[in-house]
Amino acid sequence: MNEQTRRDFLRTTVAGAAAGSVFGMAGTTNASWLGHNALKLEKRQLGKTDMKVSVLGFGGAEIGYGRTDQDRVTQLLNTAIDQGLDAIDTAECYADSEIAIANAVSHRRDDYYLFTKVGHWPRGGGADGWSDKSIMETIERSLKRLKTDHVDLVHLHSCGLDVLKKGEATAALEKAREQGKTRYIGYSGDSLAAKYAIETGKFDTLMTSISFCDQEAIDLTLPLCRERNMGVIVKRGIANAVWRFDTKPSNGYVVEYWNRMNKLAYDFTSAENRSNTGPDGPAGIAIRFMLGLPGVHTSVVGTTNPTRFAQNAALINAGPLPDEQVKAIRARWKEVAPTEWVGLT
């Protein structure tokens, strides 16, 4: 999915995300399962890095593309960090997300791990975002915007297989790591490009799409990551919460997942179950399924609602799905999914 479509989708949905659950339908959280232990999230070692991260991290796309008010971002991030969130992910192309994050929590730099991505800036003048020069300039720009002298992790932002095979972009990240601008390097992407990135042995982490609507990585890349002790960060772990839409959405960024959801026809995404905002509803099952997969370490999720981290933590703390439910989700995918249902970029 191209970046323009992604930006348009996020701009039109960010207001709804602020009012409703990122992991479920709009509405209040069921107090019967949101208990006082809701914020005691599991932490997992992120592959061979020295980072032990909570299974729920923050994704900065929504606050950037949605031009979220700085006061709200400040409240959102400080609240989440106070409650135990310790990983913040952003990118150079998420509008002013890096700036908003820095303004909110740069004074607390020791309280969280900071990730960003490169490859889609600068965009003007025919500049090649994957060249050594552009990547190094982009990282310098990100450090200034983030008000720090280093980040913990930089990902190549969904570049194609041709870029990876050329090697210049990967070498630029390695150089940035040698210079101390980032402690670790990774690849953010899906399908065969992600597989190739793993096989190079040059990356510390993989950020990839995994959900009940996007299961290619479970067989294609997760086993390779486990073999190589690579950290795995999941994006789109709830398939853009497509159960929110009663009819086919017009935006291409979500329509593919919507089509898949309807063909898969899981009972937890059926019309009568879509309003269940608890851990056995579509959001709860989606995230518990994804985080229960062997090799997954954390999932970054965006929101503009300062109360959302606690609510999402409660879903996770309901525990992993029963084995029989995981097997049923996987079996249905293998029965229905055609070969062209690859990981979505």
C-alpha atoms as a PDB file:
ATOM      1  CA  MET A   1       0.000   0.000   0.000  1.00  0.00           C
ATOM      2  CA  ASN A   2       1.514   3.338  -1.009  1.00  0.00           C
ATOM      3  CA  GLU A   3       2.330   5.963   1.590  1.00  0.00           C
ATOM      4  CA  GLN A   4      -0.135   8.503   0.206  1.00  0.00           C
ATOM      5  CA  THR A   5      -3.034   6.095   0.681  1.00  0.00           C
ATOM      6  CA  ARG A   6      -1.865   5.350   4.211  1.00  0.00           C
ATOM      7  CA  ARG A   7      -1.714   9.061   5.058  1.00  0.00           C
ATOM      8  CA  ASP A   8      -5.184   9.678   3.671  1.00  0.00           C
ATOM      9  CA  PHE A   9      -6.611   6.768   5.647  1.00  0.00           C
ATOM     10  CA  LEU A  10      -5.070   7.912   8.900  1.00  0.00           C
ATOM     11  CA  ARG A  11      -6.200  11.492   8.449  1.00  0.00           C
ATOM     12  CA  THR A  12      -9.793  10.395   7.979  1.00  0.00           C
ATOM     13  CA  THR A  13      -9.800   7.906  10.847  1.00  0.00           C
ATOM     14  CA  VAL A  14      -7.706   9.591  13.510  1.00  0.00           C
ATOM     15  CA  ALA A  15     -10.688  11.363  15.031  1.00  0.00           C
ATOM     16  CA  GLY A  16     -12.515   8.077  15.369  1.00  0.00           C
ATOM     17  CA  ALA A  17      -9.475   6.464  16.929  1.00  0.00           C
ATOM     18  CA  ALA A  18      -9.385   9.213  19.522  1.00  0.00           C
ATOM     19  CA  ALA A  19     -12.984   8.572  20.472  1.00  0.00           C
ATOM     20  CA  GLY A  20     -13.022   4.779  20.230  1.00  0.00           C
ATOM     21  CA  SER A  21     -10.744   1.911  21.053  1.00  0.00           C
ATOM     22  CA  VAL A  22      -7.844   1.249  18.748  1.00  0.00           C
ATOM     23  CA  PHE A  23      -8.358  -2.421  19.564  1.00  0.00           C
ATOM     24  CA  GLY A  24     -12.139  -2.408  19.383  1.00  0.00           C
ATOM     25  CA  MET A  25     -15.359  -0.601  18.781  1.00  0.00           C
ATOM     26  CA  ALA A  26     -16.038   2.889  20.036  1.00  0.00           C
ATOM     27  CA  GLY A  27     -17.447   3.020  23.520  1.00  0.00           C
ATOM     28  CA  THR A  28     -16.537   2.576  27.130  1.00  0.00           C
ATOM     29  CA  THR A  29     -14.366  -0.182  28.473  1.00  0.00           C
ATOM     30  CA  ASN A  30     -16.037  -2.989  30.380  1.00  0.00           C
ATOM     31  CA  ALA A  31     -15.010  -2.334  33.995  1.00  0.00           C
ATOM     32  CA  SER A  32     -15.527  -5.975  34.939  1.00  0.00           C
ATOM     33  CA  TRP A  33     -12.338  -7.016  33.170  1.00  0.00           C
ATOM     34  CA  LEU A  34     -10.315  -3.767  33.412  1.00  0.00           C
ATOM     35  CA  GLY A  35      -8.837  -4.464  36.834  1.00  0.00           C
ATOM     36  CA  HIS A  36      -6.144  -2.880  38.954  1.00  0.00           C
ATOM     37  CA  ASN A  37      -3.499  -5.213  37.474  1.00  0.00           C
ATOM     38  CA  ALA A  38      -4.214  -4.116  33.910  1.00  0.00           C
ATOM     39  CA  LEU A  39      -0.864  -2.343  33.433  1.00  0.00           C
ATOM     40  CA  LYS A  40       1.408  -5.197  34.510  1.00  0.00           C
ATOM     41  CA  LEU A  41       2.433  -6.078  30.990  1.00  0.00           C
ATOM     42  CA  GLU A  42       4.829  -8.851  30.129  1.00  0.00           C
ATOM     43  CA  LYS A  43       8.231  -7.782  28.840  1.00  0.00           C
ATOM     44  CA  ARG A  44      10.168  -9.759  26.259  1.00  0.00           C
ATOM     45  CA  GLN A  45      13.797  -9.711  25.171  1.00  0.00           C
ATOM     46  CA  LEU A  46      13.896  -8.160  21.693  1.00  0.00           C
ATOM     47  CA  GLY A  47      15.950 -10.787  19.950  1.00  0.00           C
ATOM     48  CA  LYS A  48      19.696 -10.408  20.326  1.00  0.00           C
ATOM     49  CA  THR A  49      19.449  -6.757  21.344  1.00  0.00           C
ATOM     50  CA  ASP A  50      19.810  -5.648  24.957  1.00  0.00           C
ATOM     51  CA  MET A  51      16.273  -4.245  24.928  1.00  0.00           C
ATOM     52  CA  LYS A  52      13.601  -5.883  27.042  1.00  0.00           C
ATOM     53  CA  VAL A  53      10.378  -4.339  25.801  1.00  0.00           C
ATOM     54  CA  SER A  54       6.757  -4.448  26.894  1.00  0.00           C
ATOM     55  CA  VAL A  55       4.552  -6.429  24.539  1.00  0.00           C
ATOM     56  CA  LEU A  56       2.653  -3.229  23.769  1.00  0.00           C
ATOM     57  CA  GLY A  57       4.505  -0.285  22.235  1.00  0.00           C
ATOM     58  CA  PHE A  58       3.417   3.035  20.764  1.00  0.00           C
ATOM     59  CA  GLY A  59       3.251   3.744  17.026  1.00  0.00           C
ATOM     60  CA  GLY A  60       3.578   7.383  16.022  1.00  0.00           C
ATOM     61  CA  ALA A  61       1.865   7.452  12.610  1.00  0.00           C
ATOM     62  CA  GLU A  62      -1.553   8.610  13.832  1.00  0.00           C
ATOM     63  CA  ILE A  63      -0.320  11.567  15.850  1.00  0.00           C
ATOM     64  CA  GLY A  64       1.756  12.699  12.878  1.00  0.00           C
ATOM     65  CA  TYR A  65      -0.666  12.250  10.015  1.00  0.00           C
ATOM     66  CA  GLY A  66      -3.570  13.356  12.175  1.00  0.00           C
ATOM     67  CA  ARG A  67      -1.780  16.552  13.270  1.00  0.00           C
ATOM     68  CA  THR A  68      -2.727  15.741  16.847  1.00  0.00           C
ATOM     69  CA  ASP A  69      -2.616  18.647  19.265  1.00  0.00           C
ATOM     70  CA  GLN A  70       0.676  18.781  21.156  1.00  0.00           C
ATOM     71  CA  ASP A  71      -0.983  18.935  24.564  1.00  0.00           C
ATOM     72  CA  ARG A  72      -2.808  15.698  23.806  1.00  0.00           C
ATOM     73  CA  VAL A  73       0.378  14.007  22.602  1.00  0.00           C
ATOM     74  CA  THR A  74       2.173  15.120  25.748  1.00  0.00           C
ATOM     75  CA  GLN A  75      -0.575  13.742  27.970  1.00  0.00           C
ATOM     76  CA  LEU A  76      -0.848  10.554  25.919  1.00  0.00           C
ATOM     77  CA  LEU A  77       2.844   9.632  25.948  1.00  0.00           C
ATOM     78  CA  ASN A  78       3.595  10.628  29.522  1.00  0.00           C
ATOM     79  CA  THR A  79       0.581   8.688  30.752  1.00  0.00           C
ATOM     80  CA  ALA A  80       1.590   5.609  28.768  1.00  0.00           C
ATOM     81  CA  ILE A  81       5.202   5.736  29.957  1.00  0.00           C
ATOM     82  CA  ASP A  82       4.041   6.183  33.555  1.00  0.00           C
ATOM     83  CA  GLN A  83       1.897   3.073  33.077  1.00  0.00           C
ATOM     84  CA  GLY A  84       4.746   0.955  31.745  1.00  0.00           C
ATOM     85  CA  LEU A  85       5.057   1.524  28.003  1.00  0.00           C
ATOM     86  CA  ASP A  86       8.739   1.541  27.103  1.00  0.00           C
ATOM     87  CA  ALA A  87       8.975   1.533  23.277  1.00  0.00           C
ATOM     88  CA  ILE A  88       8.067   4.388  20.947  1.00  0.00           C
ATOM     89  CA  ASP A  89       8.160   3.894  17.179  1.00  0.00           C
ATOM     90  CA  THR A  90       7.940   6.615  14.570  1.00  0.00           C
ATOM     91  CA  ALA A  91       9.316   7.478  11.107  1.00  0.00           C
ATOM     92  CA  GLU A  92      10.794  10.392   9.263  1.00  0.00           C
ATOM     93  CA  CYS A  93       7.773  10.527   6.940  1.00  0.00           C
ATOM     94  CA  TYR A  94       5.040  10.535   9.595  1.00  0.00           C
ATOM     95  CA  ALA A  95       4.599  14.276   9.150  1.00  0.00           C
ATOM     96  CA  ASP A  96       5.712  15.935  12.430  1.00  0.00           C
ATOM     97  CA  SER A  97       5.400  12.823  14.589  1.00  0.00           C
ATOM     98  CA  GLU A  98       9.087  12.940  15.551  1.00  0.00           C
ATOM     99  CA  ILE A  99       8.774  16.565  16.638  1.00  0.00           C
ATOM    100  CA  ALA A 100       5.617  15.932  18.664  1.00  0.00           C
ATOM    101  CA  ILE A 101       7.222  12.961  20.427  1.00  0.00           C
ATOM    102  CA  ALA A 102      10.308  14.979  21.283  1.00  0.00           C
ATOM    103  CA  ASN A 103       8.284  17.888  22.609  1.00  0.00           C
ATOM    104  CA  ALA A 104       6.318  15.468  24.773  1.00  0.00           C
ATOM    105  CA  VAL A 105       8.948  13.171  26.262  1.00  0.00           C
ATOM    106  CA  SER A 106      12.505  14.013  25.165  1.00  0.00           C
ATOM    107  CA  HIS A 107      13.208  15.026  28.771  1.00  0.00           C
ATOM    108  CA  ARG A 108      12.456  11.410  29.729  1.00  0.00           C
ATOM    109  CA  ARG A 109      14.788   9.836  27.175  1.00  0.00           C
ATOM    110  CA  ASP A 110      16.045   7.204  29.636  1.00  0.00           C
ATOM    111  CA  ASP A 111      12.500   5.944  30.260  1.00  0.00           C
ATOM    112  CA  TYR A 112      11.825   4.438  26.833  1.00  0.00           C
ATOM    113  CA  TYR A 113      13.413   2.916  23.743  1.00  0.00           C
ATOM    114  CA  LEU A 114      13.143   5.048  20.631  1.00  0.00           C
ATOM    115  CA  PHE A 115      12.724   3.647  17.103  1.00  0.00           C
ATOM    116  CA  THR A 116      12.461   5.450  13.776  1.00  0.00           C
ATOM    117  CA  LYS A 117      12.580   4.598  10.066  1.00  0.00           C
ATOM    118  CA  VAL A 118      14.260   5.917   6.924  1.00  0.00           C
ATOM    119  CA  GLY A 119      13.686   5.849   3.193  1.00  0.00           C
ATOM    120  CA  HIS A 120      10.793   8.166   2.347  1.00  0.00           C
ATOM    121  CA  TRP A 121      12.409  11.558   2.983  1.00  0.00           C
ATOM    122  CA  PRO A 122      13.515  13.747   1.318  1.00  0.00           C
ATOM    123  CA  ARG A 123      10.880  13.447  -1.370  1.00  0.00           C
ATOM    124  CA  GLY A 124      11.570  16.493  -3.538  1.00  0.00           C
ATOM    125  CA  GLY A 125      13.996  17.123  -6.390  1.00  0.00           C
ATOM    126  CA  GLY A 126      14.205  13.506  -7.481  1.00  0.00           C
ATOM    127  CA  ALA A 127      16.265  12.565  -4.425  1.00  0.00           C
ATOM    128  CA  ASP A 128      16.805   8.865  -3.895  1.00  0.00           C
ATOM    129  CA  GLY A 129      15.589   8.066  -0.405  1.00  0.00           C
ATOM    130  CA  TRP A 130      17.565   4.820  -0.369  1.00  0.00           C
ATOM    131  CA  SER A 131      20.983   6.260  -1.179  1.00  0.00           C
ATOM    132  CA  ASP A 132      23.738   6.474   1.409  1.00  0.00           C
ATOM    133  CA  LYS A 133      23.585  10.264   1.316  1.00  0.00           C
ATOM    134  CA  SER A 134      19.823  10.467   1.795  1.00  0.00           C
ATOM    135  CA  ILE A 135      19.761   7.909   4.581  1.00  0.00           C
ATOM    136  CA  MET A 136      22.548   9.590   6.519  1.00  0.00           C
ATOM    137  CA  GLU A 137      20.929  13.003   6.075  1.00  0.00           C
ATOM    138  CA  THR A 138      17.584  11.586   7.149  1.00  0.00           C
ATOM    139  CA  ILE A 139      19.011  10.072  10.306  1.00  0.00           C
ATOM    140  CA  GLU A 140      20.665  13.381  11.212  1.00  0.00           C
ATOM    141  CA  ARG A 141      17.340  15.133  10.634  1.00  0.00           C
ATOM    142  CA  SER A 142      15.522  12.596  12.812  1.00  0.00           C
ATOM    143  CA  LEU A 143      18.002  13.002  15.656  1.00  0.00           C
ATOM    144  CA  LYS A 144      17.483  16.761  15.610  1.00  0.00           C
ATOM    145  CA  ARG A 145      13.712  16.424  15.457  1.00  0.00           C
ATOM    146  CA  LEU A 146      13.730  13.847  18.246  1.00  0.00           C
ATOM    147  CA  LYS A 147      16.092  15.967  20.373  1.00  0.00           C
ATOM    148  CA  THR A 148      18.528  13.142  21.011  1.00  0.00           C
ATOM    149  CA  ASP A 149      22.038  12.136  20.006  1.00  0.00           C
ATOM    150  CA  HIS A 150      21.024   8.577  19.153  1.00  0.00           C
ATOM    151  CA  VAL A 151      18.042   6.310  18.667  1.00  0.00           C
ATOM    152  CA  ASP A 152      17.864   2.719  19.776  1.00  0.00           C
ATOM    153  CA  LEU A 153      16.754   1.339  16.428  1.00  0.00           C
ATOM    154  CA  VAL A 154      16.475   2.491  12.802  1.00  0.00           C
ATOM    155  CA  HIS A 155      14.485   0.478  10.254  1.00  0.00           C
ATOM    156  CA  LEU A 156      14.615   0.610   6.473  1.00  0.00           C
ATOM    157  CA  HIS A 157      11.008   1.586   5.773  1.00  0.00           C
ATOM    158  CA  SER A 158       9.531  -1.079   3.491  1.00  0.00           C
ATOM    159  CA  CYS A 159      12.028  -0.779   0.657  1.00  0.00           C
ATOM    160  CA  GLY A 160      11.742  -3.348  -2.107  1.00  0.00           C
ATOM    161  CA  LEU A 161      13.799  -6.423  -2.768  1.00  0.00           C
ATOM    162  CA  ASP A 162      15.770  -4.574  -5.445  1.00  0.00           C
ATOM    163  CA  VAL A 163      16.912  -1.960  -2.929  1.00  0.00           C
ATOM    164  CA  LEU A 164      17.937  -4.601  -0.432  1.00  0.00           C
ATOM    165  CA  LYS A 165      19.910  -6.538  -3.025  1.00  0.00           C
ATOM    166  CA  LYS A 166      21.738  -3.395  -4.107  1.00  0.00           C
ATOM    167  CA  GLY A 167      23.079  -3.150  -0.563  1.00  0.00           C
ATOM    168  CA  GLU A 168      23.676   0.597  -0.329  1.00  0.00           C
ATOM    169  CA  ALA A 169      20.785   1.275   2.041  1.00  0.00           C
ATOM    170  CA  THR A 170      21.792  -1.528   4.381  1.00  0.00           C
ATOM    171  CA  ALA A 171      25.410  -0.365   4.366  1.00  0.00           C
ATOM    172  CA  ALA A 172      24.272   3.160   5.262  1.00  0.00           C
ATOM    173  CA  LEU A 173      22.452   1.853   8.331  1.00  0.00           C
ATOM    174  CA  GLU A 174      25.517  -0.144   9.317  1.00  0.00           C
ATOM    175  CA  LYS A 175      27.570   3.027   9.064  1.00  0.00           C
ATOM    176  CA  ALA A 176      25.087   4.924  11.225  1.00  0.00           C
ATOM    177  CA  ARG A 177      25.361   2.173  13.812  1.00  0.00           C
ATOM    178  CA  GLU A 178      29.162   2.333  13.733  1.00  0.00           C
ATOM    179  CA  GLN A 179      28.958   6.102  14.269  1.00  0.00           C
ATOM    180  CA  GLY A 180      26.720   5.688  17.307  1.00  0.00           C
ATOM    181  CA  LYS A 181      23.692   7.357  15.765  1.00  0.00           C
ATOM    182  CA  THR A 182      21.666   4.193  16.314  1.00  0.00           C
ATOM    183  CA  ARG A 183      22.362   1.208  18.523  1.00  0.00           C
ATOM    184  CA  TYR A 184      20.601  -1.332  16.310  1.00  0.00           C
ATOM    185  CA  ILE A 185      19.314  -1.614  12.751  1.00  0.00           C
ATOM    186  CA  GLY A 186      16.312  -3.382  11.271  1.00  0.00           C
ATOM    187  CA  TYR A 187      14.077  -3.903   8.278  1.00  0.00           C
ATOM    188  CA  SER A 188      10.409  -2.920   8.234  1.00  0.00           C
ATOM    189  CA  GLY A 189       8.450  -4.764   5.577  1.00  0.00           C
ATOM    190  CA  ASP A 190       6.783  -7.949   4.487  1.00  0.00           C
ATOM    191  CA  SER A 191       6.792 -11.010   2.301  1.00  0.00           C
ATOM    192  CA  LEU A 192       9.810 -11.933   0.146  1.00  0.00           C
ATOM    193  CA  ALA A 193      11.677  -8.699   0.838  1.00  0.00           C
ATOM    194  CA  ALA A 194      11.420  -9.363   4.569  1.00  0.00           C
ATOM    195  CA  LYS A 195      12.619 -12.930   4.041  1.00  0.00           C
ATOM    196  CA  TYR A 196      15.633 -11.699   2.108  1.00  0.00           C
ATOM    197  CA  ALA A 197      16.421  -9.089   4.762  1.00  0.00           C
ATOM    198  CA  ILE A 198      16.488 -11.794   7.415  1.00  0.00           C
ATOM    199  CA  GLU A 199      18.675 -14.042   5.302  1.00  0.00           C
ATOM    200  CA  THR A 200      21.328 -11.352   4.844  1.00  0.00           C
ATOM    201  CA  GLY A 201      22.134 -11.640   8.542  1.00  0.00           C
ATOM    202  CA  LYS A 202      22.719  -7.898   8.704  1.00  0.00           C
ATOM    203  CA  PHE A 203      19.661  -6.804  10.673  1.00  0.00           C
ATOM    204  CA  ASP A 204      18.901  -6.988  14.378  1.00  0.00           C
ATOM    205  CA  THR A 205      15.120  -6.736  14.063  1.00  0.00           C
ATOM    206  CA  LEU A 206      12.201  -7.193  11.717  1.00  0.00           C
ATOM    207  CA  MET A 207       9.051  -5.082  11.818  1.00  0.00           C
ATOM    208  CA  THR A 208       6.325  -6.854   9.884  1.00  0.00           C
ATOM    209  CA  SER A 209       2.561  -7.178   9.453  1.00  0.00           C
ATOM    210  CA  ILE A 210       0.920 -10.057  11.320  1.00  0.00           C
ATOM    211  CA  SER A 211      -2.750 -10.441  12.174  1.00  0.00           C
ATOM    212  CA  PHE A 212      -5.632 -12.848  11.757  1.00  0.00           C
ATOM    213  CA  CYS A 213      -6.038 -11.281   8.292  1.00  0.00           C
ATOM    214  CA  ASP A 214      -2.313 -11.336   7.502  1.00  0.00           C
ATOM    215  CA  GLN A 215      -0.707 -14.667   8.345  1.00  0.00           C
ATOM    216  CA  GLU A 216       1.950 -15.097   5.651  1.00  0.00           C
ATOM    217  CA  ALA A 217       4.758 -14.120   8.041  1.00  0.00           C
ATOM    218  CA  ILE A 218       3.813 -16.854  10.512  1.00  0.00           C
ATOM    219  CA  ASP A 219       5.201 -19.451   8.116  1.00  0.00           C
ATOM    220  CA  LEU A 220       7.515 -17.389   5.900  1.00  0.00           C
ATOM    221  CA  THR A 221       9.567 -15.197   8.232  1.00  0.00           C
ATOM    222  CA  LEU A 222       8.840 -15.867  11.911  1.00  0.00           C
ATOM    223  CA  PRO A 223      10.635 -19.255  11.896  1.00  0.00           C
ATOM    224  CA  LEU A 224      13.701 -17.625  10.306  1.00  0.00           C
ATOM    225  CA  CYS A 225      13.682 -14.865  12.914  1.00  0.00           C
ATOM    226  CA  ARG A 226      13.547 -17.429  15.695  1.00  0.00           C
ATOM    227  CA  GLU A 227      16.484 -19.335  14.189  1.00  0.00           C
ATOM    228  CA  ARG A 228      18.562 -16.151  14.027  1.00  0.00           C
ATOM    229  CA  ASN A 229      17.346 -14.694  17.319  1.00  0.00           C
ATOM    230  CA  MET A 230      16.014 -11.572  15.601  1.00  0.00           C
ATOM    231  CA  GLY A 231      13.688  -9.215  17.382  1.00  0.00           C
ATOM    232  CA  VAL A 232      10.187  -9.109  15.884  1.00  0.00           C
ATOM    233  CA  ILE A 233       8.025  -6.007  16.122  1.00  0.00           C
ATOM    234  CA  VAL A 234       4.496  -6.387  14.753  1.00  0.00           C
ATOM    235  CA  LYS A 235       2.671  -3.655  12.880  1.00  0.00           C
ATOM    236  CA  ARG A 236      -1.024  -3.804  11.966  1.00  0.00           C
ATOM    237  CA  GLY A 237      -1.503  -6.475  14.590  1.00  0.00           C
ATOM    238  CA  ILE A 238      -5.282  -6.052  14.565  1.00  0.00           C
ATOM    239  CA  ALA A 239      -5.708  -5.682  10.783  1.00  0.00           C
ATOM    240  CA  ASN A 240      -6.685  -2.017  11.090  1.00  0.00           C
ATOM    241  CA  ALA A 241      -9.705  -3.053  13.209  1.00  0.00           C
ATOM    242  CA  VAL A 242     -11.652  -3.751  10.038  1.00  0.00           C
ATOM    243  CA  TRP A 243     -14.622  -5.172  11.941  1.00  0.00           C
ATOM    244  CA  ARG A 244     -15.606  -1.540  12.550  1.00  0.00           C
ATOM    245  CA  PHE A 245     -16.959  -1.345   9.006  1.00  0.00           C
ATOM    246  CA  ASP A 246     -20.388  -2.828   8.312  1.00  0.00           C
ATOM    247  CA  THR A 247     -19.997  -2.210   4.590  1.00  0.00           C
ATOM    248  CA  LYS A 248     -16.988  -2.295   2.318  1.00  0.00           C
ATOM    249  CA  PRO A 249     -14.790   0.756   3.031  1.00  0.00           C
ATOM    250  CA  SER A 250     -13.784   2.948   0.131  1.00  0.00           C
ATOM    251  CA  ASN A 251     -10.204   3.496   1.265  1.00  0.00           C
ATOM    252  CA  GLY A 252      -7.706   1.067  -0.220  1.00  0.00           C
ATOM    253  CA  TYR A 253      -5.652   0.974   2.943  1.00  0.00           C
ATOM    254  CA  VAL A 254      -8.317  -1.045   4.755  1.00  0.00           C
ATOM    255  CA  VAL A 255     -10.373  -2.611   1.997  1.00  0.00           C
ATOM    256  CA  GLU A 256      -7.985  -5.536   1.471  1.00  0.00           C
ATOM    257  CA  TYR A 257      -8.217  -6.558   5.114  1.00  0.00           C
ATOM    258  CA  TRP A 258     -11.988  -6.066   5.006  1.00  0.00           C
ATOM    259  CA  ASN A 259     -12.241  -8.417   2.017  1.00  0.00           C
ATOM    260  CA  ARG A 260     -10.074 -10.985   3.772  1.00  0.00           C
ATOM    261  CA  MET A 261     -12.045 -10.742   7.012  1.00  0.00           C
ATOM    262  CA  ASN A 262     -15.302 -11.442   5.234  1.00  0.00           C
ATOM    263  CA  LYS A 263     -13.897 -14.414   3.329  1.00  0.00           C
ATOM    264  CA  LEU A 264     -12.333 -15.840   6.475  1.00  0.00           C
ATOM    265  CA  ALA A 265     -15.657 -15.402   8.321  1.00  0.00           C
ATOM    266  CA  TYR A 266     -14.313 -15.966  11.817  1.00  0.00           C
ATOM    267  CA  ASP A 267     -17.033 -16.119  14.431  1.00  0.00           C
ATOM    268  CA  PHE A 268     -15.365 -13.402  16.531  1.00  0.00           C
ATOM    269  CA  THR A 269     -15.722 -10.896  13.661  1.00  0.00           C
ATOM    270  CA  SER A 270     -19.365 -11.762  12.970  1.00  0.00           C
ATOM    271  CA  ALA A 271     -21.921  -8.992  13.228  1.00  0.00           C
ATOM    272  CA  GLU A 272     -23.239 -10.139  16.609  1.00  0.00           C
ATOM    273  CA  ASN A 273     -19.748 -10.195  18.120  1.00  0.00           C
ATOM    274  CA  ARG A 274     -18.311  -6.965  16.738  1.00  0.00           C
ATOM    275  CA  SER A 275     -19.570  -4.835  19.611  1.00  0.00           C
ATOM    276  CA  ASN A 276     -17.784  -6.961  22.229  1.00  0.00           C
ATOM    277  CA  THR A 277     -14.971  -4.727  23.507  1.00  0.00           C
ATOM    278  CA  GLY A 278     -13.654  -7.263  25.993  1.00  0.00           C
ATOM    279  CA  PRO A 279     -10.826  -9.774  25.623  1.00  0.00           C
ATOM    280  CA  ASP A 280     -13.119 -12.284  23.884  1.00  0.00           C
ATOM    281  CA  GLY A 281     -14.288  -9.719  21.342  1.00  0.00           C
ATOM    282  CA  PRO A 282     -12.613  -9.159  17.965  1.00  0.00           C
ATOM    283  CA  ALA A 283      -9.973  -6.774  19.298  1.00  0.00           C
ATOM    284  CA  GLY A 284      -9.075  -8.917  22.263  1.00  0.00           C
ATOM    285  CA  ILE A 285      -8.860 -12.104  20.224  1.00  0.00           C
ATOM    286  CA  ALA A 286      -6.872 -10.364  17.493  1.00  0.00           C
ATOM    287  CA  ILE A 287      -4.142  -9.066  19.757  1.00  0.00           C
ATOM    288  CA  ARG A 288      -4.007 -12.146  21.970  1.00  0.00           C
ATOM    289  CA  PHE A 289      -3.630 -14.318  18.867  1.00  0.00           C
ATOM    290  CA  MET A 290      -0.842 -12.162  17.433  1.00  0.00           C
ATOM    291  CA  LEU A 291       1.150 -11.758  20.660  1.00  0.00           C
ATOM    292  CA  GLY A 292       0.856 -15.458  21.393  1.00  0.00           C
ATOM    293  CA  LEU A 293       2.732 -16.467  18.252  1.00  0.00           C
ATOM    294  CA  PRO A 294       6.242 -17.869  18.903  1.00  0.00           C
ATOM    295  CA  GLY A 295       8.881 -15.314  17.954  1.00  0.00           C
ATOM    296  CA  VAL A 296       6.746 -12.173  18.345  1.00  0.00           C
ATOM    297  CA  HIS A 297       8.169  -9.770  20.924  1.00  0.00           C
ATOM    298  CA  THR A 298       6.068  -6.611  20.782  1.00  0.00           C
ATOM    299  CA  SER A 299       3.388  -4.832  18.782  1.00  0.00           C
ATOM    300  CA  VAL A 300       3.344  -1.083  18.152  1.00  0.00           C
ATOM    301  CA  VAL A 301      -0.082   0.487  18.081  1.00  0.00           C
ATOM    302  CA  GLY A 302      -1.161   4.042  17.448  1.00  0.00           C
ATOM    303  CA  THR A 303      -3.797   6.023  19.292  1.00  0.00           C
ATOM    304  CA  THR A 304      -4.613   9.605  20.188  1.00  0.00           C
ATOM    305  CA  ASN A 305      -6.530   8.713  23.350  1.00  0.00           C
ATOM    306  CA  PRO A 306      -4.559   8.997  26.629  1.00  0.00           C
ATOM    307  CA  THR A 307      -6.672   6.269  28.276  1.00  0.00           C
ATOM    308  CA  ARG A 308      -6.128   3.739  25.529  1.00  0.00           C
ATOM    309  CA  PHE A 309      -2.911   2.145  26.760  1.00  0.00           C
ATOM    310  CA  ALA A 310      -4.529   0.966  29.981  1.00  0.00           C
ATOM    311  CA  GLN A 311      -7.558  -0.387  28.134  1.00  0.00           C
ATOM    312  CA  ASN A 312      -5.429  -2.220  25.583  1.00  0.00           C
ATOM    313  CA  ALA A 313      -3.208  -3.594  28.345  1.00  0.00           C
ATOM    314  CA  ALA A 314      -6.301  -5.137  29.937  1.00  0.00           C
ATOM    315  CA  LEU A 315      -7.061  -6.990  26.717  1.00  0.00           C
ATOM    316  CA  ILE A 316      -3.552  -8.412  26.612  1.00  0.00           C
ATOM    317  CA  ASN A 317      -3.529  -9.369  30.267  1.00  0.00           C
ATOM    318  CA  ALA A 318      -6.480 -11.672  29.722  1.00  0.00           C
ATOM    319  CA  GLY A 319      -3.745 -14.071  28.621  1.00  0.00           C
ATOM    320  CA  PRO A 320      -2.935 -15.960  25.429  1.00  0.00           C
ATOM    321  CA  LEU A 321      -5.693 -17.613  23.473  1.00  0.00           C
ATOM    322  CA  PRO A 322      -6.378 -21.301  24.148  1.00  0.00           C
ATOM    323  CA  ASP A 323      -4.420 -23.562  21.821  1.00  0.00           C
ATOM    324  CA  GLU A 324      -7.556 -24.874  20.165  1.00  0.00           C
ATOM    325  CA  GLN A 325      -8.652 -21.341  19.273  1.00  0.00           C
ATOM    326  CA  VAL A 326      -5.246 -20.526  17.781  1.00  0.00           C
ATOM    327  CA  LYS A 327      -5.352 -23.752  15.771  1.00  0.00           C
ATOM    328  CA  ALA A 328      -8.825 -22.897  14.497  1.00  0.00           C
ATOM    329  CA  ILE A 329      -7.725 -19.429  13.353  1.00  0.00           C
ATOM    330  CA  ARG A 330      -4.699 -20.910  11.581  1.00  0.00           C
ATOM    331  CA  ALA A 331      -6.683 -23.757  10.035  1.00  0.00           C
ATOM    332  CA  ARG A 332      -9.279 -21.397   8.626  1.00  0.00           C
ATOM    333  CA  TRP A 333      -6.531 -19.253   7.072  1.00  0.00           C
ATOM    334  CA  LYS A 334      -4.919 -22.272   5.426  1.00  0.00           C
ATOM    335  CA  GLU A 335      -8.296 -23.388   4.131  1.00  0.00           C
ATOM    336  CA  VAL A 336      -9.366 -20.039   2.675  1.00  0.00           C
ATOM    337  CA  ALA A 337      -6.316 -17.861   1.961  1.00  0.00           C
ATOM    338  CA  PRO A 338      -5.104 -17.869  -1.648  1.00  0.00           C
ATOM    339  CA  THR A 339      -1.411 -17.546  -2.455  1.00  0.00           C
ATOM    340  CA  GLU A 340      -1.831 -13.871  -3.337  1.00  0.00           C
ATOM    341  CA  TRP A 341      -2.750 -13.008   0.249  1.00  0.00           C
ATOM    342  CA  VAL A 342       0.772 -11.859   1.036  1.00  0.00           C
ATOM    343  CA  GLY A 343       1.855  -9.568   3.829  1.00  0.00           C
ATOM    344  CA  LEU A 344       0.652  -6.006   3.307  1.00  0.00           C
ATOM    345  CA  THR A 345       3.289  -3.308   3.219  1.00  0.00           C
END
